[in-house]
């Protein structure tokens, strides 16, 4: 009789999904604080290019939307993560003039991109499982 009772929404998701959603929220908060604190002023004064400023905003927003979509069981969350990864890495590689790959790998942004890549791989693994097959539970 207990098996027929609906489970709360938080019992139907694996713990890494919550960790990913929390990480995505933290990335959005960090980017928002940077934009409000120094990023907008730097872009306005010309210290950084406006394209770099927009890239940071778009990547943070895509990561957050991907985390929310993963929590809400939307298959297109993988697309958000891969778009964020592609936008971030492409822009970072175009801005770095150094030819040394060791220099590129030591930058903190590439460590974040490696984490986003891991999240994307995990979301693909969830696609092969039955995570997205279950109906989304209303909050």
Protein backbone atom coordinates (compact mmCIF):
# COMPACT_ATOMS: atom_id res chain seq x y z
CA UNK A 1 0.00 0.00 0.00
CA UNK A 2 2.90 2.36 0.66
CA UNK A 3 4.28 1.85 -2.86
CA UNK A 4 1.12 3.33 -4.39
CA UNK A 5 1.47 6.58 -2.46
CA UNK A 6 3.13 9.44 -4.36
CA UNK A 7 6.61 10.32 -3.22
CA UNK A 8 7.68 13.90 -2.50
CA UNK A 9 9.55 15.54 -5.37
CA UNK A 10 12.84 15.57 -3.47
CA UNK A 11 12.80 11.78 -3.00
CA UNK A 12 12.58 11.11 -6.74
CA UNK A 13 15.84 12.78 -7.75
CA UNK A 14 19.41 11.60 -7.16
CA UNK A 15 21.61 13.65 -4.84
CA UNK A 16 24.03 14.74 -7.62
CA UNK A 17 21.13 16.49 -9.38
CA UNK A 18 20.59 18.66 -6.31
CA UNK A 19 24.33 19.32 -6.08
CA UNK A 20 24.41 20.35 -9.75
CA UNK A 21 21.42 22.67 -9.32
CA UNK A 22 23.05 24.23 -6.23
CA UNK A 23 26.34 24.70 -8.09
CA UNK A 24 24.51 26.35 -10.98
CA UNK A 25 22.78 28.71 -8.55
CA UNK A 26 26.14 29.59 -6.96
CA UNK A 27 27.62 30.34 -10.40
CA UNK A 28 24.71 32.66 -11.18
CA UNK A 29 25.07 34.44 -7.83
CA UNK A 30 28.82 34.84 -8.32
CA UNK A 31 28.33 36.24 -11.81
CA UNK A 32 25.56 38.55 -10.60
CA UNK A 33 27.72 39.90 -7.79
CA UNK A 34 30.60 40.43 -10.19
CA UNK A 35 28.34 42.22 -12.69
CA UNK A 36 26.86 44.45 -10.00
CA UNK A 37 30.15 45.08 -8.23
CA UNK A 38 32.87 45.56 -10.81
CA UNK A 39 31.99 43.99 -14.14
CA UNK A 40 29.59 46.62 -15.41
CA UNK A 41 31.94 49.45 -14.43
CA UNK A 42 34.87 47.70 -16.11
CA UNK A 43 32.88 47.21 -19.31
CA UNK A 44 31.63 50.79 -19.22
CA UNK A 45 35.12 52.22 -18.73
CA UNK A 46 36.66 49.95 -21.35
CA UNK A 47 38.84 47.86 -19.05
CA UNK A 48 37.23 44.73 -20.50
CA UNK A 49 35.42 44.42 -23.78
CA UNK A 50 31.66 44.50 -23.86
CA UNK A 51 31.72 41.14 -25.67
CA UNK A 52 33.62 39.59 -22.75
CA UNK A 53 31.10 41.06 -20.34
CA UNK A 54 28.19 39.63 -22.33
CA UNK A 55 29.91 36.26 -22.65
CA UNK A 56 30.25 35.93 -18.88
CA UNK A 57 26.60 36.86 -18.40
CA UNK A 58 25.37 34.45 -21.09
CA UNK A 59 27.48 31.53 -19.82
CA UNK A 60 26.31 32.04 -16.23
CA UNK A 61 22.70 32.27 -17.35
CA UNK A 62 22.97 29.13 -19.51
CA UNK A 63 24.53 27.21 -16.62
CA UNK A 64 21.74 28.28 -14.27
CA UNK A 65 18.99 27.47 -16.77
CA UNK A 66 20.59 24.07 -17.42
CA UNK A 67 20.63 23.31 -13.70
CA UNK A 68 16.99 24.30 -13.27
CA UNK A 69 16.02 22.25 -16.32
CA UNK A 70 17.92 19.23 -15.00
CA UNK A 71 16.12 19.54 -11.68
CA UNK A 72 12.81 19.83 -13.56
CA UNK A 73 13.61 16.75 -15.69
CA UNK A 74 13.89 18.45 -19.05
CA UNK A 75 16.03 16.64 -21.60
CA UNK A 76 17.19 19.90 -23.15
CA UNK A 77 19.26 20.65 -20.04
CA UNK A 78 22.17 18.92 -21.80
CA UNK A 79 21.87 21.46 -24.59
CA UNK A 80 22.17 24.35 -22.13
CA UNK A 81 25.31 22.88 -20.60
CA UNK A 82 26.98 22.22 -23.95
CA UNK A 83 26.08 25.70 -25.20
CA UNK A 84 27.56 27.27 -22.06
CA UNK A 85 30.68 25.18 -22.48
CA UNK A 86 31.02 26.02 -26.17
CA UNK A 87 30.45 29.76 -25.65
CA UNK A 88 32.86 29.97 -22.75
CA UNK A 89 35.69 27.92 -24.19
CA UNK A 90 35.45 29.47 -27.65
CA UNK A 91 35.58 32.99 -26.29
CA UNK A 92 38.37 32.14 -23.82
CA UNK A 93 40.50 30.59 -26.54
CA UNK A 94 39.97 33.58 -28.80
CA UNK A 95 41.06 36.00 -26.06
CA UNK A 96 44.20 34.15 -24.95
CA UNK A 97 47.08 35.02 -27.24
CA UNK A 98 49.51 32.53 -25.75
CA UNK A 99 50.33 29.44 -27.76
CA UNK A 100 51.13 27.37 -24.69
CA UNK A 101 48.50 24.80 -23.79
CA UNK A 102 49.96 24.57 -20.26
CA UNK A 103 49.19 28.25 -19.75
CA UNK A 104 45.59 27.67 -20.87
CA UNK A 105 45.11 24.71 -18.53
CA UNK A 106 46.26 26.66 -15.48
CA UNK A 107 43.66 29.39 -15.88
CA UNK A 108 40.83 29.11 -13.32
CA UNK A 109 38.15 29.42 -16.00
CA UNK A 110 39.23 26.13 -17.56
CA UNK A 111 38.79 24.36 -14.25
CA UNK A 112 35.22 25.63 -14.19
CA UNK A 113 34.73 24.50 -17.77
CA UNK A 114 36.01 21.05 -16.84
CA UNK A 115 33.37 20.92 -14.12
CA UNK A 116 30.68 22.00 -16.58
CA UNK A 117 31.89 19.28 -18.95
CA UNK A 118 31.49 16.74 -16.13
CA UNK A 119 27.97 18.01 -15.46
CA UNK A 120 27.14 17.68 -19.14
CA UNK A 121 28.45 14.10 -19.21
CA UNK A 122 26.37 13.28 -16.12
CA UNK A 123 23.27 14.75 -17.76
CA UNK A 124 23.92 12.53 -20.76
CA UNK A 125 24.18 9.52 -18.46
CA UNK A 126 20.84 10.46 -16.94
CA UNK A 127 19.39 10.41 -20.47
CA UNK A 128 20.35 6.75 -20.87
CA UNK A 129 18.79 5.92 -17.51
CA UNK A 130 15.18 6.41 -16.60
CA UNK A 131 15.54 9.82 -14.92
CA UNK A 132 13.86 11.75 -17.73
CA UNK A 133 11.31 8.99 -18.37
CA UNK A 134 9.55 9.66 -15.08
CA UNK A 135 6.92 12.36 -15.17
CA UNK A 136 7.91 15.63 -13.62
CA UNK A 137 6.40 16.14 -10.21
CA UNK A 138 4.75 19.46 -9.53
CA UNK A 139 6.49 21.61 -6.96
